């Protein structure tokens, strides 16, 4: 069973990965891809916020 810290770390890793893909999709004007990624981004962002993670420094999308 993963610990809370392990779950938060995995969520942070996923959050950063999604952000990288969103930035690339935005640059390439891939609107459908961006919208699809945004759903997962918002879910991960909510999970991190509930976990008490301060997103102000790591959130590159700022939406």
C-alpha atoms as a PDB file:
ATOM      1  CA  UNK A   1       0.000   0.000   0.000  1.00  0.00           C
ATOM      2  CA  UNK A   2       1.587   3.330  -1.037  1.00  0.00           C
ATOM      3  CA  UNK A   3       2.122   5.988   1.587  1.00  0.00           C
ATOM      4  CA  UNK A   4       0.606   9.470   1.345  1.00  0.00           C
ATOM      5  CA  UNK A   5       4.000  10.873   0.360  1.00  0.00           C
ATOM      6  CA  UNK A   6       4.362   8.334  -2.448  1.00  0.00           C
ATOM      7  CA  UNK A   7       0.897   9.165  -3.770  1.00  0.00           C
ATOM      8  CA  UNK A   8       1.627  12.910  -3.657  1.00  0.00           C
ATOM      9  CA  UNK A   9       4.982  12.413  -5.413  1.00  0.00           C
ATOM     10  CA  UNK A  10       3.369  10.359  -8.193  1.00  0.00           C
ATOM     11  CA  UNK A  11       0.624  12.970  -8.563  1.00  0.00           C
ATOM     12  CA  UNK A  12       3.241  15.738  -8.752  1.00  0.00           C
ATOM     13  CA  UNK A  13       5.143  13.807 -11.413  1.00  0.00           C
ATOM     14  CA  UNK A  14       1.932  13.303 -13.405  1.00  0.00           C
ATOM     15  CA  UNK A  15       1.010  16.975 -12.976  1.00  0.00           C
ATOM     16  CA  UNK A  16       4.353  18.151 -14.336  1.00  0.00           C
ATOM     17  CA  UNK A  17       4.149  15.688 -17.248  1.00  0.00           C
ATOM     18  CA  UNK A  18       0.641  16.852 -18.192  1.00  0.00           C
ATOM     19  CA  UNK A  19       1.765  20.484 -18.045  1.00  0.00           C
ATOM     20  CA  UNK A  20       4.661  19.783 -20.429  1.00  0.00           C
ATOM     21  CA  UNK A  21       2.292  18.131 -22.894  1.00  0.00           C
ATOM     22  CA  UNK A  22      -0.232  20.964 -22.561  1.00  0.00           C
ATOM     23  CA  UNK A  23       2.410  23.576 -23.313  1.00  0.00           C
ATOM     24  CA  UNK A  24       3.499  21.645 -26.413  1.00  0.00           C
ATOM     25  CA  UNK A  25      -0.115  21.207 -27.547  1.00  0.00           C
ATOM     26  CA  UNK A  26      -0.757  24.917 -27.077  1.00  0.00           C
ATOM     27  CA  UNK A  27       2.383  25.812 -29.044  1.00  0.00           C
ATOM     28  CA  UNK A  28       1.306  23.495 -31.872  1.00  0.00           C
ATOM     29  CA  UNK A  29      -2.261  24.848 -31.731  1.00  0.00           C
ATOM     30  CA  UNK A  30      -3.583  21.344 -31.052  1.00  0.00           C
ATOM     31  CA  UNK A  31      -6.795  22.510 -29.425  1.00  0.00           C
ATOM     32  CA  UNK A  32      -8.458  19.097 -29.069  1.00  0.00           C
ATOM     33  CA  UNK A  33      -5.348  17.601 -27.501  1.00  0.00           C
ATOM     34  CA  UNK A  34      -5.012  20.584 -25.180  1.00  0.00           C
ATOM     35  CA  UNK A  35      -8.650  20.306 -24.077  1.00  0.00           C
ATOM     36  CA  UNK A  36      -8.256  16.596 -23.416  1.00  0.00           C
ATOM     37  CA  UNK A  37      -5.119  17.143 -21.353  1.00  0.00           C
ATOM     38  CA  UNK A  38      -6.775  19.997 -19.469  1.00  0.00           C
ATOM     39  CA  UNK A  39      -9.349  17.630 -17.961  1.00  0.00           C
ATOM     40  CA  UNK A  40      -6.596  15.517 -16.427  1.00  0.00           C
ATOM     41  CA  UNK A  41      -4.644  18.649 -15.436  1.00  0.00           C
ATOM     42  CA  UNK A  42      -7.633  19.969 -13.463  1.00  0.00           C
ATOM     43  CA  UNK A  43      -8.127  16.634 -11.710  1.00  0.00           C
ATOM     44  CA  UNK A  44      -4.471  16.439 -10.708  1.00  0.00           C
ATOM     45  CA  UNK A  45      -4.486  20.080  -9.622  1.00  0.00           C
ATOM     46  CA  UNK A  46      -7.512  19.451  -7.388  1.00  0.00           C
ATOM     47  CA  UNK A  47      -5.876  16.369  -5.860  1.00  0.00           C
ATOM     48  CA  UNK A  48      -2.697  18.287  -5.081  1.00  0.00           C
ATOM     49  CA  UNK A  49      -4.612  21.219  -3.628  1.00  0.00           C
ATOM     50  CA  UNK A  50      -6.596  18.919  -1.324  1.00  0.00           C
ATOM     51  CA  UNK A  51      -3.304  17.323  -0.279  1.00  0.00           C
ATOM     52  CA  UNK A  52      -2.004  20.728   0.798  1.00  0.00           C
ATOM     53  CA  UNK A  53       0.541  21.190  -1.990  1.00  0.00           C
ATOM     54  CA  UNK A  54       1.254  24.846  -2.814  1.00  0.00           C
ATOM     55  CA  UNK A  55       0.896  25.056  -6.580  1.00  0.00           C
ATOM     56  CA  UNK A  56       1.858  28.705  -6.986  1.00  0.00           C
ATOM     57  CA  UNK A  57       5.454  27.886  -7.929  1.00  0.00           C
ATOM     58  CA  UNK A  58       4.917  24.755 -10.003  1.00  0.00           C
ATOM     59  CA  UNK A  59       1.760  25.557 -11.967  1.00  0.00           C
ATOM     60  CA  UNK A  60       2.987  26.738 -15.366  1.00  0.00           C
ATOM     61  CA  UNK A  61      -0.433  26.803 -17.018  1.00  0.00           C
ATOM     62  CA  UNK A  62      -2.079  29.317 -14.630  1.00  0.00           C
ATOM     63  CA  UNK A  63      -5.666  28.624 -15.696  1.00  0.00           C
END
